[in-house]
PDB file of N, CA and C in Angstrom:
ATOM      1  N   UNK A   1       0.860  -1.173   0.000  1.00  0.00           N
ATOM      2  CA  UNK A   1       0.000   0.000   0.000  1.00  0.00           C
ATOM      3  C   UNK A   1       0.904   1.232   0.000  1.00  0.00           C
ATOM      4  N   UNK A   2       0.601   2.176  -0.859  1.00  0.00           N
ATOM      5  CA  UNK A   2       1.417   3.383  -0.907  1.00  0.00           C
ATOM      6  C   UNK A   2       0.840   4.460   0.020  1.00  0.00           C
ATOM      7  N   UNK A   3       1.559   5.568   0.116  1.00  0.00           N
ATOM      8  CA  UNK A   3       1.189   6.638   1.039  1.00  0.00           C
ATOM      9  C   UNK A   3      -0.187   7.215   0.740  1.00  0.00           C
ATOM     10  N   UNK A   4      -0.495   7.412  -0.533  1.00  0.00           N
ATOM     11  CA  UNK A   4      -1.798   7.985  -0.905  1.00  0.00           C
ATOM     12  C   UNK A   4      -2.940   7.053  -0.516  1.00  0.00           C
ATOM     13  N   UNK A   5      -2.763   5.754  -0.751  1.00  0.00           N
ATOM     14  CA  UNK A   5      -3.803   4.789  -0.368  1.00  0.00           C
ATOM     15  C   UNK A   5      -3.995   4.757   1.144  1.00  0.00           C
ATOM     16  N   UNK A   6      -2.888   4.795   1.864  1.00  0.00           N
ATOM     17  CA  UNK A   6      -2.972   4.778   3.322  1.00  0.00           C
ATOM     18  C   UNK A   6      -3.642   6.041   3.844  1.00  0.00           C
ATOM     19  N   UNK A   7      -3.401   7.162   3.190  1.00  0.00           N
ATOM     20  CA  UNK A   7      -4.036   8.413   3.607  1.00  0.00           C
ATOM     21  C   UNK A   7      -5.557   8.306   3.480  1.00  0.00           C
ATOM     22  N   UNK A   8      -6.034   7.596   2.471  1.00  0.00           N
ATOM     23  CA  UNK A   8      -7.482   7.402   2.301  1.00  0.00           C
ATOM     24  C   UNK A   8      -8.063   6.478   3.365  1.00  0.00           C
ATOM     25  N   UNK A   9      -7.297   5.465   3.749  1.00  0.00           N
ATOM     26  CA  UNK A   9      -7.758   4.492   4.739  1.00  0.00           C
ATOM     27  C   UNK A   9      -7.637   5.063   6.147  1.00  0.00           C
ATOM     28  N   UNK A  10      -6.535   5.713   6.442  1.00  0.00           N
ATOM     29  CA  UNK A  10      -6.284   6.268   7.763  1.00  0.00           C
ATOM     30  C   UNK A  10      -5.455   5.325   8.627  1.00  0.00           C
ATOM     31  N   UNK A  11      -4.864   5.906   9.653  1.00  0.00           N
ATOM     32  CA  UNK A  11      -4.018   5.158  10.578  1.00  0.00           C
ATOM     33  C   UNK A  11      -4.518   5.420  11.983  1.00  0.00           C
ATOM     34  N   UNK A  12      -4.448   4.392  12.813  1.00  0.00           N
ATOM     35  CA  UNK A  12      -4.783   4.543  14.229  1.00  0.00           C
ATOM     36  C   UNK A  12      -3.628   4.004  15.066  1.00  0.00           C
ATOM     37  N   UNK A  13      -3.470   4.581  16.228  1.00  0.00           N
ATOM     38  CA  UNK A  13      -2.482   4.092  17.184  1.00  0.00           C
ATOM     39  C   UNK A  13      -3.183   3.065  18.060  1.00  0.00           C
ATOM     40  N   UNK A  14      -2.708   1.829  17.992  1.00  0.00           N
ATOM     41  CA  UNK A  14      -3.236   0.756  18.822  1.00  0.00           C
ATOM     42  C   UNK A  14      -2.445   0.734  20.121  1.00  0.00           C
ATOM     43  N   UNK A  15      -3.156   0.708  21.229  1.00  0.00           N
ATOM     44  CA  UNK A  15      -2.532   0.594  22.539  1.00  0.00           C
ATOM     45  C   UNK A  15      -3.146  -0.608  23.246  1.00  0.00           C
ATOM     46  N   UNK A  16      -2.280  -1.499  23.729  1.00  0.00           N
ATOM     47  CA  UNK A  16      -2.723  -2.683  24.457  1.00  0.00           C
ATOM     48  C   UNK A  16      -2.011  -2.682  25.808  1.00  0.00           C
ATOM     49  N   UNK A  17      -2.780  -2.787  26.880  1.00  0.00           N
ATOM     50  CA  UNK A  17      -2.219  -2.810  28.228  1.00  0.00           C
ATOM     51  C   UNK A  17      -2.521  -4.169  28.829  1.00  0.00           C
ATOM     52  N   UNK A  18      -1.461  -4.904  29.180  1.00  0.00           N
ATOM     53  CA  UNK A  18      -1.600  -6.243  29.747  1.00  0.00           C
ATOM     54  C   UNK A  18      -0.668  -6.406  30.942  1.00  0.00           C
ATOM     55  N   UNK A  19      -0.830  -7.505  31.661  1.00  0.00           N
ATOM     56  CA  UNK A  19       0.029  -7.784  32.805  1.00  0.00           C
ATOM     57  C   UNK A  19       1.481  -7.831  32.367  1.00  0.00           C
ATOM     58  N   UNK A  20       2.359  -7.401  33.260  1.00  0.00           N
ATOM     59  CA  UNK A  20       3.794  -7.433  32.981  1.00  0.00           C
ATOM     60  C   UNK A  20       4.204  -8.842  32.569  1.00  0.00           C
ATOM     61  N   UNK A  21       4.959  -8.907  31.472  1.00  0.00           N
ATOM     62  CA  UNK A  21       5.430 -10.186  30.956  1.00  0.00           C
ATOM     63  C   UNK A  21       4.580 -10.740  29.823  1.00  0.00           C
ATOM     64  N   UNK A  22       3.391 -10.197  29.601  1.00  0.00           N
ATOM     65  CA  UNK A  22       2.506 -10.678  28.535  1.00  0.00           C
ATOM     66  C   UNK A  22       2.646  -9.861  27.248  1.00  0.00           C
ATOM     67  N   UNK A  23       3.379  -8.755  27.293  1.00  0.00           N
ATOM     68  CA  UNK A  23       3.519  -7.890  26.123  1.00  0.00           C
ATOM     69  C   UNK A  23       4.150  -8.592  24.937  1.00  0.00           C
ATOM     70  N   UNK A  24       5.127  -9.466  25.190  1.00  0.00           N
ATOM     71  CA  UNK A  24       5.774 -10.185  24.087  1.00  0.00           C
ATOM     72  C   UNK A  24       4.799 -11.108  23.367  1.00  0.00           C
ATOM     73  N   UNK A  25       3.857 -11.674  24.094  1.00  0.00           N
ATOM     74  CA  UNK A  25       2.848 -12.525  23.471  1.00  0.00           C
ATOM     75  C   UNK A  25       1.920 -11.696  22.579  1.00  0.00           C
ATOM     76  N   UNK A  26       1.611 -10.478  23.021  1.00  0.00           N
ATOM     77  CA  UNK A  26       0.787  -9.573  22.213  1.00  0.00           C
ATOM     78  C   UNK A  26       1.524  -9.208  20.928  1.00  0.00           C
ATOM     79  N   UNK A  27       2.811  -8.877  21.054  1.00  0.00           N
ATOM     80  CA  UNK A  27       3.626  -8.526  19.885  1.00  0.00           C
ATOM     81  C   UNK A  27       3.666  -9.690  18.898  1.00  0.00           C
ATOM     82  N   UNK A  28       3.874 -10.892  19.401  1.00  0.00           N
ATOM     83  CA  UNK A  28       3.919 -12.079  18.546  1.00  0.00           C
ATOM     84  C   UNK A  28       2.585 -12.276  17.819  1.00  0.00           C
ATOM     85  N   UNK A  29       1.486 -12.101  18.533  1.00  0.00           N
ATOM     86  CA  UNK A  29       0.162 -12.230  17.923  1.00  0.00           C
ATOM     87  C   UNK A  29      -0.035 -11.178  16.827  1.00  0.00           C
ATOM     88  N   UNK A  30       0.302  -9.929  17.127  1.00  0.00           N
ATOM     89  CA  UNK A  30       0.122  -8.859  16.138  1.00  0.00           C
ATOM     90  C   UNK A  30       0.949  -9.114  14.893  1.00  0.00           C
ATOM     91  N   UNK A  31       2.161  -9.624  15.061  1.00  0.00           N
ATOM     92  CA  UNK A  31       3.032  -9.900  13.923  1.00  0.00           C
ATOM     93  C   UNK A  31       2.517 -11.072  13.102  1.00  0.00           C
ATOM     94  N   UNK A  32       2.232 -12.187  13.756  1.00  0.00           N
ATOM     95  CA  UNK A  32       1.859 -13.417  13.040  1.00  0.00           C
ATOM     96  C   UNK A  32       0.420 -13.424  12.536  1.00  0.00           C
ATOM     97  N   UNK A  33      -0.501 -12.993  13.376  1.00  0.00           N
ATOM     98  CA  UNK A  33      -1.911 -13.114  13.029  1.00  0.00           C
ATOM     99  C   UNK A  33      -2.485 -11.873  12.332  1.00  0.00           C
ATOM    100  N   UNK A  34      -1.910 -10.712  12.615  1.00  0.00           N
ATOM    101  CA  UNK A  34      -2.460  -9.463  12.071  1.00  0.00           C
ATOM    102  C   UNK A  34      -1.540  -8.793  11.068  1.00  0.00           C
ATOM    103  N   UNK A  35      -0.365  -9.381  10.828  1.00  0.00           N
ATOM    104  CA  UNK A  35       0.616  -8.832   9.891  1.00  0.00           C
ATOM    105  C   UNK A  35       1.004  -7.396  10.245  1.00  0.00           C
ATOM    106  N   UNK A  36       1.261  -7.179  11.526  1.00  0.00           N
ATOM    107  CA  UNK A  36       1.707  -5.876  12.011  1.00  0.00           C
ATOM    108  C   UNK A  36       3.110  -6.067  12.598  1.00  0.00           C
ATOM    109  N   UNK A  37       4.143  -5.866  11.781  1.00  0.00           N
ATOM    110  CA  UNK A  37       5.501  -6.164  12.238  1.00  0.00           C
ATOM    111  C   UNK A  37       6.129  -5.082  13.116  1.00  0.00           C
ATOM    112  N   UNK A  38       5.549  -3.891  13.155  1.00  0.00           N
ATOM    113  CA  UNK A  38       6.163  -2.801  13.913  1.00  0.00           C
ATOM    114  C   UNK A  38       5.371  -2.550  15.182  1.00  0.00           C
ATOM    115  N   UNK A  39       5.967  -2.886  16.309  1.00  0.00           N
ATOM    116  CA  UNK A  39       5.349  -2.624  17.605  1.00  0.00           C
ATOM    117  C   UNK A  39       6.418  -2.165  18.581  1.00  0.00           C
ATOM    118  N   UNK A  40       5.990  -1.505  19.596  1.00  0.00           N
ATOM    119  CA  UNK A  40       6.893  -1.042  20.655  1.00  0.00           C
ATOM    120  C   UNK A  40       6.271  -1.442  21.988  1.00  0.00           C
ATOM    121  N   UNK A  41       7.070  -2.058  22.851  1.00  0.00           N
ATOM    122  CA  UNK A  41       6.589  -2.453  24.177  1.00  0.00           C
ATOM    123  C   UNK A  41       7.290  -1.601  25.216  1.00  0.00           C
ATOM    124  N   UNK A  42       6.513  -1.036  26.108  1.00  0.00           N
ATOM    125  CA  UNK A  42       7.047  -0.250  27.220  1.00  0.00           C
ATOM    126  C   UNK A  42       6.572  -0.873  28.527  1.00  0.00           C
ATOM    127  N   UNK A  43       7.383  -0.747  29.537  1.00  0.00           N
ATOM    128  CA  UNK A  43       6.969  -1.202  30.855  1.00  0.00           C
ATOM    129  C   UNK A  43       6.308  -0.025  31.556  1.00  0.00           C
ATOM    130  N   UNK A  44       5.128  -0.271  32.078  1.00  0.00           N
ATOM    131  CA  UNK A  44       4.389   0.787  32.747  1.00  0.00           C
ATOM    132  C   UNK A  44       4.185   0.468  34.213  1.00  0.00           C
ATOM    133  N   UNK A  45       4.115   1.514  34.982  1.00  0.00           N
ATOM    134  CA  UNK A  45       3.806   1.375  36.402  1.00  0.00           C
ATOM    135  C   UNK A  45       2.791   2.449  36.725  1.00  0.00           C
ATOM    136  N   UNK A  46       1.591   2.028  37.012  1.00  0.00           N
ATOM    137  CA  UNK A  46       0.510   2.968  37.221  1.00  0.00           C
ATOM    138  C   UNK A  46       0.479   3.556  38.616  1.00  0.00           C
ATOM    139  N   UNK A  47      -0.249   4.638  38.723  1.00  0.00           N
ATOM    140  CA  UNK A  47      -0.432   5.307  40.016  1.00  0.00           C
ATOM    141  C   UNK A  47      -1.907   5.490  40.320  1.00  0.00           C
ATOM    142  N   UNK A  48      -2.762   4.869  39.517  1.00  0.00           N
ATOM    143  CA  UNK A  48      -4.204   5.023  39.711  1.00  0.00           C
ATOM    144  C   UNK A  48      -4.645   4.330  40.998  1.00  0.00           C
ATOM    145  N   UNK A  49      -5.729   4.824  41.556  1.00  0.00           N
ATOM    146  CA  UNK A  49      -6.281   4.209  42.767  1.00  0.00           C
ATOM    147  C   UNK A  49      -6.833   2.832  42.437  1.00  0.00           C
ATOM    148  N   UNK A  50      -6.947   1.986  43.443  1.00  0.00           N
ATOM    149  CA  UNK A  50      -7.456   0.643  43.204  1.00  0.00           C
ATOM    150  C   UNK A  50      -8.907   0.692  42.728  1.00  0.00           C
ATOM    151  N   UNK A  51      -9.656   1.693  43.136  1.00  0.00           N
ATOM    152  CA  UNK A  51     -11.045   1.829  42.674  1.00  0.00           C
ATOM    153  C   UNK A  51     -11.075   2.041  41.166  1.00  0.00           C
ATOM    154  N   UNK A  52     -10.211   2.927  40.665  1.00  0.00           N
ATOM    155  CA  UNK A  52     -10.148   3.199  39.232  1.00  0.00           C
ATOM    156  C   UNK A  52      -9.670   1.956  38.475  1.00  0.00           C
ATOM    157  N   UNK A  53      -8.662   1.254  39.016  1.00  0.00           N
ATOM    158  CA  UNK A  53      -8.180   0.033  38.373  1.00  0.00           C
ATOM    159  C   UNK A  53      -9.283  -1.015  38.315  1.00  0.00           C
ATOM    160  N   UNK A  54     -10.086  -1.108  39.371  1.00  0.00           N
ATOM    161  CA  UNK A  54     -11.200  -2.056  39.395  1.00  0.00           C
ATOM    162  C   UNK A  54     -12.230  -1.724  38.317  1.00  0.00           C
ATOM    163  N   UNK A  55     -12.508  -0.449  38.118  1.00  0.00           N
ATOM    164  CA  UNK A  55     -13.465  -0.020  37.091  1.00  0.00           C
ATOM    165  C   UNK A  55     -12.977  -0.455  35.711  1.00  0.00           C
ATOM    166  N   UNK A  56     -11.671  -0.302  35.460  1.00  0.00           N
ATOM    167  CA  UNK A  56     -11.090  -0.676  34.168  1.00  0.00           C
ATOM    168  C   UNK A  56     -10.828  -2.175  34.059  1.00  0.00           C
ATOM    169  N   UNK A  57     -10.954  -2.888  35.163  1.00  0.00           N
ATOM    170  CA  UNK A  57     -10.680  -4.318  35.146  1.00  0.00           C
ATOM    171  C   UNK A  57      -9.204  -4.624  35.122  1.00  0.00           C
ATOM    172  N   UNK A  58      -8.384  -3.740  35.674  1.00  0.00           N
ATOM    173  CA  UNK A  58      -6.940  -3.927  35.710  1.00  0.00           C
ATOM    174  C   UNK A  58      -6.499  -4.131  37.152  1.00  0.00           C
ATOM    175  N   UNK A  59      -5.949  -5.291  37.440  1.00  0.00           N
ATOM    176  CA  UNK A  59      -5.420  -5.522  38.778  1.00  0.00           C
ATOM    177  C   UNK A  59      -3.935  -5.218  38.798  1.00  0.00           C
ATOM    178  N   UNK A  60      -3.412  -4.765  39.926  1.00  0.00           N
ATOM    179  CA  UNK A  60      -1.981  -4.476  40.023  1.00  0.00           C
ATOM    180  C   UNK A  60      -1.601  -3.222  39.273  1.00  0.00           C
ATOM    181  N   UNK A  61      -0.341  -2.826  39.438  1.00  0.00           N
ATOM    182  CA  UNK A  61       0.073  -1.575  38.809  1.00  0.00           C
ATOM    183  C   UNK A  61       1.203  -1.737  37.787  1.00  0.00           C
ATOM    184  N   UNK A  62       1.853  -2.903  37.715  1.00  0.00           N
ATOM    185  CA  UNK A  62       2.931  -3.095  36.751  1.00  0.00           C
ATOM    186  C   UNK A  62       2.372  -3.752  35.494  1.00  0.00           C
ATOM    187  N   UNK A  63       2.536  -3.071  34.373  1.00  0.00           N
ATOM    188  CA  UNK A  63       1.936  -3.508  33.107  1.00  0.00           C
ATOM    189  C   UNK A  63       2.939  -3.432  31.964  1.00  0.00           C
ATOM    190  N   UNK A  64       2.658  -4.184  30.909  1.00  0.00           N
ATOM    191  CA  UNK A  64       3.315  -4.004  29.621  1.00  0.00           C
ATOM    192  C   UNK A  64       2.350  -3.199  28.768  1.00  0.00           C
ATOM    193  N   UNK A  65       2.870  -2.196  28.087  1.00  0.00           N
ATOM    194  CA  UNK A  65       2.058  -1.362  27.211  1.00  0.00           C
ATOM    195  C   UNK A  65       2.612  -1.516  25.801  1.00  0.00           C
ATOM    196  N   UNK A  66       1.779  -1.991  24.901  1.00  0.00           N
ATOM    197  CA  UNK A  66       2.187  -2.259  23.521  1.00  0.00           C
ATOM    198  C   UNK A  66       1.565  -1.198  22.629  1.00  0.00           C
ATOM    199  N   UNK A  67       2.406  -0.575  21.802  1.00  0.00           N
ATOM    200  CA  UNK A  67       1.948   0.452  20.859  1.00  0.00           C
ATOM    201  C   UNK A  67       2.227  -0.020  19.437  1.00  0.00           C
ATOM    202  N   UNK A  68       1.310   0.264  18.531  1.00  0.00           N
ATOM    203  CA  UNK A  68       1.524  -0.038  17.124  1.00  0.00           C
ATOM    204  C   UNK A  68       0.629   0.849  16.267  1.00  0.00           C
ATOM    205  N   UNK A  69       1.095   1.179  15.089  1.00  0.00           N
ATOM    206  CA  UNK A  69       0.271   1.912  14.118  1.00  0.00           C
ATOM    207  C   UNK A  69      -0.435   0.879  13.256  1.00  0.00           C
ATOM    208  N   UNK A  70      -1.757   1.018  13.126  1.00  0.00           N
ATOM    209  CA  UNK A  70      -2.540   0.053  12.352  1.00  0.00           C
ATOM    210  C   UNK A  70      -3.451   0.783  11.370  1.00  0.00           C
ATOM    211  N   UNK A  71      -3.831   0.075  10.327  1.00  0.00           N
ATOM    212  CA  UNK A  71      -4.782   0.632   9.357  1.00  0.00           C
ATOM    213  C   UNK A  71      -6.123   0.826  10.038  1.00  0.00           C
ATOM    214  N   UNK A  72      -6.743   1.955   9.799  1.00  0.00           N
ATOM    215  CA  UNK A  72      -8.025   2.265  10.438  1.00  0.00           C
ATOM    216  C   UNK A  72      -9.113   1.264  10.050  1.00  0.00           C
ATOM    217  N   UNK A  73      -9.065   0.761   8.827  1.00  0.00           N
ATOM    218  CA  UNK A  73     -10.108  -0.171   8.387  1.00  0.00           C
ATOM    219  C   UNK A  73      -9.939  -1.578   8.954  1.00  0.00           C
ATOM    220  N   UNK A  74      -8.860  -1.830   9.680  1.00  0.00           N
ATOM    221  CA  UNK A  74      -8.601  -3.146  10.275  1.00  0.00           C
ATOM    222  C   UNK A  74      -8.770  -3.151  11.795  1.00  0.00           C
ATOM    223  N   UNK A  75      -9.093  -1.999  12.386  1.00  0.00           N
ATOM    224  CA  UNK A  75      -9.083  -1.915  13.852  1.00  0.00           C
ATOM    225  C   UNK A  75     -10.120  -2.812  14.520  1.00  0.00           C
ATOM    226  N   UNK A  76     -11.323  -2.884  13.999  1.00  0.00           N
ATOM    227  CA  UNK A  76     -12.333  -3.752  14.620  1.00  0.00           C
ATOM    228  C   UNK A  76     -11.873  -5.202  14.634  1.00  0.00           C
ATOM    229  N   UNK A  77     -11.357  -5.654  13.510  1.00  0.00           N
ATOM    230  CA  UNK A  77     -10.859  -7.028  13.392  1.00  0.00           C
ATOM    231  C   UNK A  77      -9.720  -7.284  14.382  1.00  0.00           C
ATOM    232  N   UNK A  78      -8.794  -6.347  14.478  1.00  0.00           N
ATOM    233  CA  UNK A  78      -7.651  -6.499  15.377  1.00  0.00           C
ATOM    234  C   UNK A  78      -8.103  -6.478  16.834  1.00  0.00           C
ATOM    235  N   UNK A  79      -8.950  -5.519  17.198  1.00  0.00           N
ATOM    236  CA  UNK A  79      -9.418  -5.426  18.585  1.00  0.00           C
ATOM    237  C   UNK A  79     -10.221  -6.667  18.979  1.00  0.00           C
ATOM    238  N   UNK A  80     -11.071  -7.162  18.092  1.00  0.00           N
ATOM    239  CA  UNK A  80     -11.834  -8.377  18.383  1.00  0.00           C
ATOM    240  C   UNK A  80     -10.918  -9.582  18.547  1.00  0.00           C
ATOM    241  N   UNK A  81      -9.904  -9.675  17.694  1.00  0.00           N
ATOM    242  CA  UNK A  81      -8.941 -10.774  17.793  1.00  0.00           C
ATOM    243  C   UNK A  81      -8.151 -10.726  19.090  1.00  0.00           C
ATOM    244  N   UNK A  82      -7.717  -9.525  19.475  1.00  0.00           N
ATOM    245  CA  UNK A  82      -6.988  -9.369  20.739  1.00  0.00           C
ATOM    246  C   UNK A  82      -7.872  -9.741  21.924  1.00  0.00           C
ATOM    247  N   UNK A  83      -9.124  -9.285  21.889  1.00  0.00           N
ATOM    248  CA  UNK A  83     -10.047  -9.572  22.993  1.00  0.00           C
ATOM    249  C   UNK A  83     -10.268 -11.076  23.128  1.00  0.00           C
ATOM    250  N   UNK A  84     -10.392 -11.757  22.005  1.00  0.00           N
ATOM    251  CA  UNK A  84     -10.610 -13.204  22.042  1.00  0.00           C
ATOM    252  C   UNK A  84      -9.351 -13.944  22.492  1.00  0.00           C
ATOM    253  N   UNK A  85      -8.216 -13.620  21.892  1.00  0.00           N
ATOM    254  CA  UNK A  85      -6.959 -14.331  22.171  1.00  0.00           C
ATOM    255  C   UNK A  85      -6.495 -14.126  23.615  1.00  0.00           C
ATOM    256  N   UNK A  86      -6.593 -12.890  24.110  1.00  0.00           N
ATOM    257  CA  UNK A  86      -6.056 -12.571  25.434  1.00  0.00           C
ATOM    258  C   UNK A  86      -7.147 -12.373  26.481  1.00  0.00           C
ATOM    259  N   UNK A  87      -8.386 -12.715  26.118  1.00  0.00           N
ATOM    260  CA  UNK A  87      -9.525 -12.664  27.042  1.00  0.00           C
ATOM    261  C   UNK A  87      -9.672 -11.286  27.705  1.00  0.00           C
ATOM    262  N   UNK A  88      -9.539 -10.248  26.876  1.00  0.00           N
ATOM    263  CA  UNK A  88      -9.586  -8.881  27.386  1.00  0.00           C
ATOM    264  C   UNK A  88     -10.966  -8.477  27.878  1.00  0.00           C
ATOM    265  N   UNK A  89     -11.978  -9.269  27.573  1.00  0.00           N
ATOM    266  CA  UNK A  89     -13.323  -8.968  28.067  1.00  0.00           C
ATOM    267  C   UNK A  89     -13.518  -9.425  29.511  1.00  0.00           C
ATOM    268  N   UNK A  90     -12.531 -10.145  30.048  1.00  0.00           N
ATOM    269  CA  UNK A  90     -12.598 -10.601  31.431  1.00  0.00           C
ATOM    270  C   UNK A  90     -11.854  -9.611  32.331  1.00  0.00           C
ATOM    271  N   UNK A  91     -12.399  -9.351  33.510  1.00  0.00           N
ATOM    272  CA  UNK A  91     -11.733  -8.422  34.437  1.00  0.00           C
ATOM    273  C   UNK A  91     -10.303  -8.869  34.763  1.00  0.00           C
ATOM    274  N   UNK A  92      -9.407  -7.892  34.784  1.00  0.00           N
ATOM    275  CA  UNK A  92      -8.020  -8.148  35.160  1.00  0.00           C
ATOM    276  C   UNK A  92      -7.122  -8.655  34.060  1.00  0.00           C
ATOM    277  N   UNK A  93      -7.646  -8.853  32.853  1.00  0.00           N
ATOM    278  CA  UNK A  93      -6.840  -9.402  31.756  1.00  0.00           C
ATOM    279  C   UNK A  93      -6.175  -8.322  30.915  1.00  0.00           C
ATOM    280  N   UNK A  94      -6.640  -7.074  31.008  1.00  0.00           N
ATOM    281  CA  UNK A  94      -6.047  -5.993  30.228  1.00  0.00           C
ATOM    282  C   UNK A  94      -7.084  -5.281  29.399  1.00  0.00           C
ATOM    283  N   UNK A  95      -6.602  -4.379  28.547  1.00  0.00           N
ATOM    284  CA  UNK A  95      -7.498  -3.657  27.655  1.00  0.00           C
ATOM    285  C   UNK A  95      -6.746  -3.222  26.413  1.00  0.00           C
ATOM    286  N   UNK A  96      -7.507  -2.952  25.371  1.00  0.00           N
ATOM    287  CA  UNK A  96      -6.942  -2.487  24.103  1.00  0.00           C
ATOM    288  C   UNK A  96      -7.855  -1.406  23.542  1.00  0.00           C
ATOM    289  N   UNK A  97      -7.242  -0.402  22.934  1.00  0.00           N
ATOM    290  CA  UNK A  97      -8.015   0.673  22.320  1.00  0.00           C
ATOM    291  C   UNK A  97      -7.190   1.316  21.224  1.00  0.00           C
ATOM    292  N   UNK A  98      -7.861   2.088  20.377  1.00  0.00           N
ATOM    293  CA  UNK A  98      -7.162   2.808  19.312  1.00  0.00           C
ATOM    294  C   UNK A  98      -7.478   4.293  19.396  1.00  0.00           C
ATOM    295  N   UNK A  99      -6.559   5.090  18.871  1.00  0.00           N
ATOM    296  CA  UNK A  99      -6.717   6.534  18.777  1.00  0.00           C
ATOM    297  C   UNK A  99      -6.356   6.925  17.350  1.00  0.00           C
ATOM    298  N   UNK A 100      -7.187   7.736  16.745  1.00  0.00           N
ATOM    299  CA  UNK A 100      -6.938   8.169  15.366  1.00  0.00           C
ATOM    300  C   UNK A 100      -5.681   9.040  15.295  1.00  0.00           C
ATOM    301  N   UNK A 101      -4.859   8.774  14.286  1.00  0.00           N
ATOM    302  CA  UNK A 101      -3.667   9.589  14.027  1.00  0.00           C
ATOM    303  C   UNK A 101      -4.013  10.514  12.871  1.00  0.00           C
ATOM    304  N   UNK A 102      -3.953  11.808  13.107  1.00  0.00           N
ATOM    305  CA  UNK A 102      -4.295  12.781  12.077  1.00  0.00           C
ATOM    306  C   UNK A 102      -3.128  13.117  11.161  1.00  0.00           C
ATOM    307  N   UNK A 103      -1.909  13.007  11.678  1.00  0.00           N
ATOM    308  CA  UNK A 103      -0.748  13.302  10.848  1.00  0.00           C
ATOM    309  C   UNK A 103       0.463  12.580  11.410  1.00  0.00           C
ATOM    310  N   UNK A 104       1.452  12.421  10.538  1.00  0.00           N
ATOM    311  CA  UNK A 104       2.726  11.807  10.920  1.00  0.00           C
ATOM    312  C   UNK A 104       3.809  12.804  10.566  1.00  0.00           C
ATOM    313  N   UNK A 105       4.842  12.868  11.384  1.00  0.00           N
ATOM    314  CA  UNK A 105       5.904  13.848  11.215  1.00  0.00           C
ATOM    315  C   UNK A 105       6.703  13.685   9.945  1.00  0.00           C
ATOM    316  N   UNK A 106       6.072  13.855   8.811  1.00  0.00           N
ATOM    317  CA  UNK A 106       6.762  13.839   7.531  1.00  0.00           C
ATOM    318  C   UNK A 106       6.475  12.587   6.730  1.00  0.00           C
ATOM    319  N   UNK A 107       6.451  12.731   5.425  1.00  0.00           N
ATOM    320  CA  UNK A 107       6.165  11.592   4.554  1.00  0.00           C
ATOM    321  C   UNK A 107       7.317  10.598   4.523  1.00  0.00           C
ATOM    322  N   UNK A 108       8.525  11.044   4.827  1.00  0.00           N
ATOM    323  CA  UNK A 108       9.672  10.137   4.847  1.00  0.00           C
ATOM    324  C   UNK A 108       9.468   9.046   5.897  1.00  0.00           C
ATOM    325  N   UNK A 109       9.008   9.427   7.069  1.00  0.00           N
ATOM    326  CA  UNK A 109       8.748   8.466   8.135  1.00  0.00           C
ATOM    327  C   UNK A 109       7.663   7.483   7.725  1.00  0.00           C
ATOM    328  N   UNK A 110       6.597   7.980   7.148  1.00  0.00           N
ATOM    329  CA  UNK A 110       5.506   7.122   6.707  1.00  0.00           C
ATOM    330  C   UNK A 110       5.974   6.182   5.602  1.00  0.00           C
ATOM    331  N   UNK A 111       6.747   6.678   4.666  1.00  0.00           N
ATOM    332  CA  UNK A 111       7.257   5.841   3.579  1.00  0.00           C
ATOM    333  C   UNK A 111       8.138   4.721   4.116  1.00  0.00           C
ATOM    334  N   UNK A 112       9.001   5.050   5.096  1.00  0.00           N
ATOM    335  CA  UNK A 112       9.851   4.018   5.701  1.00  0.00           C
ATOM    336  C   UNK A 112       9.012   2.965   6.407  1.00  0.00           C
ATOM    337  N   UNK A 113       7.986   3.411   7.109  1.00  0.00           N
ATOM    338  CA  UNK A 113       7.095   2.494   7.819  1.00  0.00           C
ATOM    339  C   UNK A 113       6.431   1.535   6.829  1.00  0.00           C
ATOM    340  N   UNK A 114       5.913   2.069   5.725  1.00  0.00           N
ATOM    341  CA  UNK A 114       5.240   1.240   4.731  1.00  0.00           C
ATOM    342  C   UNK A 114       6.204   0.301   4.030  1.00  0.00           C
ATOM    343  N   UNK A 115       7.407   0.791   3.697  1.00  0.00           N
ATOM    344  CA  UNK A 115       8.399  -0.038   3.032  1.00  0.00           C
ATOM    345  C   UNK A 115       8.820  -1.191   3.923  1.00  0.00           C
ATOM    346  N   UNK A 116       9.083  -0.916   5.193  1.00  0.00           N
ATOM    347  CA  UNK A 116       9.465  -1.944   6.157  1.00  0.00           C
ATOM    348  C   UNK A 116       8.384  -3.009   6.254  1.00  0.00           C
ATOM    349  N   UNK A 117       7.166  -2.553   6.273  1.00  0.00           N
ATOM    350  CA  UNK A 117       6.036  -3.479   6.396  1.00  0.00           C
ATOM    351  C   UNK A 117       5.950  -4.400   5.178  1.00  0.00           C
ATOM    352  N   UNK A 118       6.106  -3.831   3.983  1.00  0.00           N
ATOM    353  CA  UNK A 118       6.039  -4.638   2.758  1.00  0.00           C
ATOM    354  C   UNK A 118       7.183  -5.639   2.694  1.00  0.00           C
ATOM    355  N   UNK A 119       8.380  -5.225   3.141  1.00  0.00           N
ATOM    356  CA  UNK A 119       9.543  -6.124   3.105  1.00  0.00           C
ATOM    357  C   UNK A 119       9.392  -7.286   4.074  1.00  0.00           C
ATOM    358  N   UNK A 120       8.647  -7.101   5.133  1.00  0.00           N
ATOM    359  CA  UNK A 120       8.475  -8.144   6.145  1.00  0.00           C
ATOM    360  C   UNK A 120       7.348  -9.120   5.820  1.00  0.00           C
ATOM    361  N   UNK A 121       6.637  -8.898   4.770  1.00  0.00           N
ATOM    362  CA  UNK A 121       5.518  -9.805   4.406  1.00  0.00           C
ATOM    363  C   UNK A 121       6.030 -11.081   3.810  1.00  0.00           C
TER     364      UNK A 121
END
């Protein structure tokens, strides 16, 4: 897919928050099952109150946070797959969401991202 086609489809930032140590499994799933080879995992330590964590269904405060740019037209499929594979609909298993990306810092970055993705297929 070239830059113009991607601009028509749109890009979203996928964020997945899971228990510490499970982020690598999420990355593997995104790469193998969703053909998303570019992901970044960060270790997070929350400061939210236990009441707020309970509302979100997140137990504990140490998490893996996985970030990836995904095609906007694939987000429902990806989120449903993540929810099924990692049981995100159950309390304490984690959560996943997307945020629309309106722009990327230059077409060079976007072109590199797309080229890398095509080479990894």
